[in-house]
Amino acid sequence: MLTIDSIVFYVENVQLSMAFYAEVFECEPKLLSPTFAVVEFAENVKITLKQADALTPSSPIRGGGAELSIPATNSVELDNLFEKWKQQGVTFAQEREESVYGINFVALDLDGHRLRVFA
């Protein structure tokens, strides 16, 4: 059976994206080359950041085409994270709201990839 190694996000600037993920997820991304980094969130969950102008083969696709779905333990944790990210200057595509599947918000990374937090 095949396994998935990581989710790949194409980014405009690996260094800036590493700094973004380090701050919002309180982790230490690892630079594997000048245009390639990995962000490990939990056991067997990692995102690879690849600088878009250095892809082999090249691709016309850029950021904003993916969404991470991140569960919060409860609405208090969700609210605390929303406020923390707001204070850090994170951009939101959707502020905190209730929908058919619960309370959620959608933040954007520097390249427009969506980070949906829900409870």
N, C-alpha and C. Protein backbone atom coordinates (compact mmCIF):
# COMPACT_ATOMS: atom_id res chain seq x y z
N MET A 1 0.83 -1.18 0.00
CA MET A 1 0.00 0.00 0.00
C MET A 1 0.88 1.25 0.00
N LEU A 2 0.49 2.24 -0.75
CA LEU A 2 1.22 3.49 -0.79
C LEU A 2 0.92 4.34 0.44
N THR A 3 1.86 5.20 0.81
CA THR A 3 1.65 6.15 1.91
C THR A 3 1.94 7.55 1.40
N ILE A 4 1.40 8.55 2.07
CA ILE A 4 1.65 9.94 1.72
C ILE A 4 2.72 10.47 2.65
N ASP A 5 3.73 11.10 2.08
CA ASP A 5 4.83 11.64 2.86
C ASP A 5 4.48 13.02 3.42
N SER A 6 3.91 13.89 2.58
CA SER A 6 3.60 15.24 3.02
C SER A 6 2.61 15.91 2.08
N ILE A 7 2.08 17.02 2.51
CA ILE A 7 1.26 17.90 1.68
C ILE A 7 2.20 19.00 1.23
N VAL A 8 2.21 19.32 -0.06
CA VAL A 8 3.13 20.31 -0.59
C VAL A 8 2.39 21.61 -0.89
N PHE A 9 2.91 22.70 -0.35
CA PHE A 9 2.41 24.04 -0.66
C PHE A 9 3.47 24.76 -1.48
N TYR A 10 3.07 25.29 -2.64
CA TYR A 10 3.97 26.13 -3.43
C TYR A 10 3.92 27.52 -2.82
N VAL A 11 5.09 28.08 -2.55
CA VAL A 11 5.18 29.39 -1.89
C VAL A 11 6.09 30.31 -2.70
N GLU A 12 5.91 31.60 -2.53
CA GLU A 12 6.73 32.58 -3.23
C GLU A 12 8.08 32.77 -2.55
N ASN A 13 8.13 32.62 -1.22
CA ASN A 13 9.37 32.85 -0.48
C ASN A 13 9.43 31.86 0.69
N VAL A 14 10.28 30.88 0.57
CA VAL A 14 10.39 29.83 1.60
C VAL A 14 10.70 30.41 2.97
N GLN A 15 11.62 31.35 3.05
CA GLN A 15 12.01 31.92 4.35
C GLN A 15 10.83 32.62 5.03
N LEU A 16 10.07 33.43 4.27
CA LEU A 16 8.91 34.12 4.86
C LEU A 16 7.83 33.12 5.28
N SER A 17 7.62 32.09 4.47
CA SER A 17 6.62 31.07 4.81
C SER A 17 7.03 30.29 6.05
N MET A 18 8.31 29.98 6.17
CA MET A 18 8.80 29.30 7.36
C MET A 18 8.53 30.14 8.61
N ALA A 19 8.79 31.43 8.51
CA ALA A 19 8.57 32.33 9.65
C ALA A 19 7.08 32.38 10.01
N PHE A 20 6.21 32.43 9.01
CA PHE A 20 4.76 32.45 9.24
C PHE A 20 4.34 31.20 10.00
N TYR A 21 4.70 30.02 9.50
CA TYR A 21 4.28 28.77 10.14
C TYR A 21 4.92 28.59 11.51
N ALA A 22 6.15 29.03 11.68
CA ALA A 22 6.79 28.96 12.99
C ALA A 22 6.01 29.76 14.01
N GLU A 23 5.53 30.94 13.60
CA GLU A 23 4.80 31.79 14.54
C GLU A 23 3.39 31.27 14.82
N VAL A 24 2.61 30.98 13.79
CA VAL A 24 1.22 30.61 14.04
C VAL A 24 1.05 29.20 14.60
N PHE A 25 1.95 28.28 14.26
CA PHE A 25 1.83 26.92 14.77
C PHE A 25 2.84 26.61 15.87
N GLU A 26 3.63 27.61 16.25
CA GLU A 26 4.60 27.44 17.32
C GLU A 26 5.44 26.18 17.12
N CYS A 27 6.08 26.11 15.95
CA CYS A 27 6.92 24.98 15.61
C CYS A 27 8.19 25.49 14.95
N GLU A 28 9.10 24.60 14.68
CA GLU A 28 10.37 24.97 14.05
C GLU A 28 10.47 24.29 12.68
N PRO A 29 10.09 25.00 11.62
CA PRO A 29 10.27 24.43 10.28
C PRO A 29 11.75 24.17 10.03
N LYS A 30 12.02 23.17 9.18
CA LYS A 30 13.40 22.82 8.86
C LYS A 30 13.68 23.15 7.40
N LEU A 31 14.70 23.95 7.18
CA LEU A 31 15.12 24.27 5.82
C LEU A 31 15.96 23.12 5.31
N LEU A 32 15.50 22.47 4.23
CA LEU A 32 16.22 21.32 3.68
C LEU A 32 17.10 21.72 2.51
N SER A 33 16.79 22.84 1.88
CA SER A 33 17.60 23.43 0.82
C SER A 33 17.18 24.90 0.74
N PRO A 34 17.85 25.72 -0.05
CA PRO A 34 17.45 27.14 -0.12
C PRO A 34 16.02 27.38 -0.60
N THR A 35 15.41 26.39 -1.26
CA THR A 35 14.06 26.58 -1.80
C THR A 35 13.06 25.52 -1.33
N PHE A 36 13.39 24.83 -0.24
CA PHE A 36 12.60 23.68 0.19
C PHE A 36 12.67 23.54 1.71
N ALA A 37 11.51 23.47 2.35
CA ALA A 37 11.47 23.33 3.82
C ALA A 37 10.34 22.39 4.20
N VAL A 38 10.40 21.91 5.43
CA VAL A 38 9.34 21.04 5.95
C VAL A 38 8.86 21.57 7.29
N VAL A 39 7.54 21.49 7.48
CA VAL A 39 6.91 21.89 8.74
C VAL A 39 6.22 20.65 9.29
N GLU A 40 6.69 20.16 10.44
CA GLU A 40 6.08 18.98 11.06
C GLU A 40 5.14 19.44 12.17
N PHE A 41 3.87 19.04 12.05
CA PHE A 41 2.86 19.46 13.02
C PHE A 41 2.62 18.41 14.09
N ALA A 42 2.62 17.19 13.70
CA ALA A 42 2.37 16.08 14.62
C ALA A 42 2.97 14.85 13.98
N GLU A 43 2.93 13.75 14.68
CA GLU A 43 3.46 12.52 14.11
C GLU A 43 2.75 12.21 12.79
N ASN A 44 3.52 12.03 11.74
CA ASN A 44 3.02 11.70 10.40
C ASN A 44 2.20 12.80 9.74
N VAL A 45 2.31 14.04 10.20
CA VAL A 45 1.62 15.16 9.56
C VAL A 45 2.64 16.25 9.29
N LYS A 46 2.95 16.45 8.00
CA LYS A 46 3.90 17.51 7.68
C LYS A 46 3.51 18.19 6.37
N ILE A 47 3.90 19.45 6.30
CA ILE A 47 3.71 20.24 5.10
C ILE A 47 5.09 20.56 4.56
N THR A 48 5.23 20.41 3.27
CA THR A 48 6.47 20.78 2.61
C THR A 48 6.24 22.11 1.91
N LEU A 49 7.14 23.04 2.09
CA LEU A 49 7.07 24.34 1.44
C LEU A 49 8.09 24.34 0.31
N LYS A 50 7.60 24.51 -0.93
CA LYS A 50 8.50 24.54 -2.08
C LYS A 50 8.38 25.89 -2.76
N GLN A 51 9.51 26.51 -2.99
CA GLN A 51 9.51 27.82 -3.65
C GLN A 51 9.05 27.63 -5.09
N ALA A 52 7.98 28.34 -5.46
CA ALA A 52 7.32 28.15 -6.75
C ALA A 52 8.22 28.40 -7.94
N ASP A 53 9.12 29.37 -7.85
CA ASP A 53 9.97 29.67 -9.01
C ASP A 53 11.14 28.70 -9.17
N ALA A 54 11.22 27.69 -8.29
CA ALA A 54 12.31 26.71 -8.37
C ALA A 54 11.78 25.28 -8.55
N LEU A 55 10.52 25.13 -8.94
CA LEU A 55 9.94 23.80 -9.10
C LEU A 55 10.52 23.07 -10.30
N THR A 56 10.69 21.77 -10.15
CA THR A 56 11.13 20.92 -11.25
C THR A 56 10.17 19.75 -11.35
N PRO A 57 9.42 19.61 -12.43
CA PRO A 57 9.29 20.56 -13.52
C PRO A 57 8.54 21.80 -13.07
N SER A 58 8.66 22.87 -13.82
CA SER A 58 7.98 24.12 -13.45
C SER A 58 6.47 23.92 -13.50
N SER A 59 5.76 24.79 -12.80
CA SER A 59 4.30 24.70 -12.76
C SER A 59 3.72 26.11 -12.77
N PRO A 60 2.61 26.30 -13.51
CA PRO A 60 1.95 27.60 -13.49
C PRO A 60 1.09 27.80 -12.24
N ILE A 61 0.90 26.74 -11.48
CA ILE A 61 0.05 26.79 -10.29
C ILE A 61 0.79 27.50 -9.16
N ARG A 62 0.10 28.36 -8.47
CA ARG A 62 0.68 29.08 -7.34
C ARG A 62 -0.19 28.85 -6.11
N GLY A 63 0.08 29.56 -5.04
CA GLY A 63 -0.59 29.37 -3.75
C GLY A 63 -2.09 29.61 -3.79
N GLY A 64 -2.73 29.19 -2.72
CA GLY A 64 -4.16 29.43 -2.55
C GLY A 64 -5.05 28.30 -2.98
N GLY A 65 -4.49 27.21 -3.44
CA GLY A 65 -5.31 26.13 -3.94
C GLY A 65 -5.53 24.99 -2.97
N ALA A 66 -5.20 25.18 -1.70
CA ALA A 66 -5.34 24.10 -0.73
C ALA A 66 -5.87 24.64 0.59
N GLU A 67 -6.43 23.74 1.38
CA GLU A 67 -6.95 24.11 2.70
C GLU A 67 -6.56 23.05 3.70
N LEU A 68 -5.99 23.48 4.83
CA LEU A 68 -5.75 22.57 5.95
C LEU A 68 -6.96 22.64 6.86
N SER A 69 -7.43 21.52 7.32
CA SER A 69 -8.56 21.44 8.22
C SER A 69 -8.03 21.10 9.61
N ILE A 70 -8.19 22.03 10.56
CA ILE A 70 -7.56 21.91 11.86
C ILE A 70 -8.62 21.89 12.96
N PRO A 71 -8.78 20.77 13.65
CA PRO A 71 -9.78 20.73 14.72
C PRO A 71 -9.30 21.40 16.01
N ALA A 72 -10.17 22.18 16.62
CA ALA A 72 -9.94 22.72 17.96
C ALA A 72 -10.67 21.81 18.94
N THR A 73 -10.15 21.70 20.14
CA THR A 73 -10.76 20.83 21.14
C THR A 73 -12.17 21.29 21.50
N ASN A 74 -12.36 22.62 21.57
CA ASN A 74 -13.66 23.17 21.92
C ASN A 74 -13.72 24.63 21.45
N SER A 75 -14.87 25.28 21.68
CA SER A 75 -15.04 26.65 21.20
C SER A 75 -14.13 27.64 21.92
N VAL A 76 -13.78 27.37 23.16
CA VAL A 76 -12.87 28.26 23.89
C VAL A 76 -11.49 28.22 23.25
N GLU A 77 -10.99 27.03 22.95
CA GLU A 77 -9.70 26.90 22.28
C GLU A 77 -9.74 27.59 20.91
N LEU A 78 -10.82 27.40 20.17
CA LEU A 78 -10.97 28.05 18.87
C LEU A 78 -10.94 29.57 19.01
N ASP A 79 -11.70 30.10 19.96
CA ASP A 79 -11.73 31.55 20.17
C ASP A 79 -10.36 32.09 20.57
N ASN A 80 -9.66 31.38 21.43
CA ASN A 80 -8.33 31.81 21.87
C ASN A 80 -7.35 31.83 20.69
N LEU A 81 -7.42 30.80 19.85
CA LEU A 81 -6.54 30.75 18.69
C LEU A 81 -6.88 31.86 17.69
N PHE A 82 -8.15 32.10 17.48
CA PHE A 82 -8.59 33.18 16.58
C PHE A 82 -8.02 34.52 17.06
N GLU A 83 -8.17 34.81 18.34
CA GLU A 83 -7.68 36.08 18.88
C GLU A 83 -6.16 36.17 18.82
N LYS A 84 -5.48 35.06 19.11
CA LYS A 84 -4.02 35.04 19.06
C LYS A 84 -3.53 35.33 17.64
N TRP A 85 -4.12 34.64 16.65
CA TRP A 85 -3.70 34.84 15.27
C TRP A 85 -4.05 36.26 14.80
N LYS A 86 -5.17 36.79 15.27
CA LYS A 86 -5.55 38.16 14.92
C LYS A 86 -4.49 39.14 15.44
N GLN A 87 -4.04 38.94 16.67
CA GLN A 87 -3.01 39.80 17.27
C GLN A 87 -1.67 39.65 16.54
N GLN A 88 -1.43 38.49 15.95
CA GLN A 88 -0.19 38.25 15.21
C GLN A 88 -0.26 38.83 13.79
N GLY A 89 -1.41 39.37 13.42
CA GLY A 89 -1.55 39.98 12.10
C GLY A 89 -1.91 39.02 10.99
N VAL A 90 -2.39 37.83 11.34
CA VAL A 90 -2.79 36.86 10.33
C VAL A 90 -4.01 37.40 9.59
N THR A 91 -4.06 37.19 8.28
CA THR A 91 -5.20 37.59 7.44
C THR A 91 -6.26 36.50 7.49
N PHE A 92 -7.52 36.90 7.51
CA PHE A 92 -8.63 35.94 7.54
C PHE A 92 -9.50 36.06 6.30
N ALA A 93 -9.81 34.92 5.70
CA ALA A 93 -10.77 34.87 4.59
C ALA A 93 -12.19 34.85 5.17
N GLN A 94 -12.31 34.30 6.37
CA GLN A 94 -13.60 34.21 7.07
C GLN A 94 -13.35 34.35 8.56
N GLU A 95 -13.98 35.33 9.15
CA GLU A 95 -13.87 35.49 10.60
C GLU A 95 -14.67 34.38 11.28
N ARG A 96 -14.58 34.30 12.56
CA ARG A 96 -15.28 33.27 13.33
C ARG A 96 -16.78 33.32 13.04
N GLU A 97 -17.36 32.18 12.72
CA GLU A 97 -18.81 32.11 12.49
C GLU A 97 -19.31 30.69 12.75
N GLU A 98 -20.60 30.56 12.87
CA GLU A 98 -21.21 29.25 13.01
C GLU A 98 -21.78 28.85 11.67
N SER A 99 -21.55 27.59 11.29
CA SER A 99 -22.09 27.07 10.04
C SER A 99 -22.71 25.71 10.31
N VAL A 100 -23.10 25.03 9.25
CA VAL A 100 -23.76 23.74 9.42
C VAL A 100 -22.88 22.70 10.11
N TYR A 101 -21.58 22.87 10.05
CA TYR A 101 -20.70 21.90 10.70
C TYR A 101 -20.00 22.45 11.93
N GLY A 102 -20.50 23.55 12.47
CA GLY A 102 -19.98 24.05 13.73
C GLY A 102 -19.33 25.42 13.62
N ILE A 103 -18.66 25.81 14.70
CA ILE A 103 -17.97 27.09 14.76
C ILE A 103 -16.64 26.94 14.01
N ASN A 104 -16.30 27.93 13.20
CA ASN A 104 -15.06 27.85 12.45
C ASN A 104 -14.61 29.22 11.99
N PHE A 105 -13.34 29.29 11.58
CA PHE A 105 -12.81 30.47 10.89
C PHE A 105 -11.78 29.99 9.88
N VAL A 106 -11.49 30.85 8.91
CA VAL A 106 -10.52 30.51 7.87
C VAL A 106 -9.45 31.60 7.82
N ALA A 107 -8.23 31.21 8.14
CA ALA A 107 -7.08 32.10 8.04
C ALA A 107 -6.36 31.81 6.73
N LEU A 108 -5.52 32.75 6.31
CA LEU A 108 -4.74 32.58 5.08
C LEU A 108 -3.25 32.67 5.40
N ASP A 109 -2.46 31.78 4.79
CA ASP A 109 -1.02 31.95 4.93
C ASP A 109 -0.57 33.01 3.93
N LEU A 110 0.71 33.26 3.82
CA LEU A 110 1.23 34.33 2.99
C LEU A 110 0.96 34.14 1.50
N ASP A 111 0.69 32.89 1.10
CA ASP A 111 0.44 32.59 -0.30
C ASP A 111 -1.02 32.30 -0.60
N GLY A 112 -1.89 32.50 0.39
CA GLY A 112 -3.33 32.31 0.19
C GLY A 112 -3.84 30.91 0.47
N HIS A 113 -2.99 30.01 0.97
CA HIS A 113 -3.48 28.69 1.37
C HIS A 113 -4.36 28.89 2.61
N ARG A 114 -5.47 28.14 2.64
CA ARG A 114 -6.46 28.33 3.70
C ARG A 114 -6.18 27.42 4.89
N LEU A 115 -6.33 28.00 6.09
CA LEU A 115 -6.18 27.26 7.35
C LEU A 115 -7.52 27.35 8.08
N ARG A 116 -8.35 26.32 7.93
CA ARG A 116 -9.68 26.32 8.56
C ARG A 116 -9.59 25.66 9.92
N VAL A 117 -9.97 26.40 10.95
CA VAL A 117 -10.01 25.87 12.32
C VAL A 117 -11.48 25.72 12.67
N PHE A 118 -11.84 24.56 13.21
CA PHE A 118 -13.25 24.30 13.53
C PHE A 118 -13.38 23.61 14.88
N ALA A 119 -14.56 23.76 15.48
CA ALA A 119 -14.88 23.06 16.73
C ALA A 119 -16.30 22.56 16.65
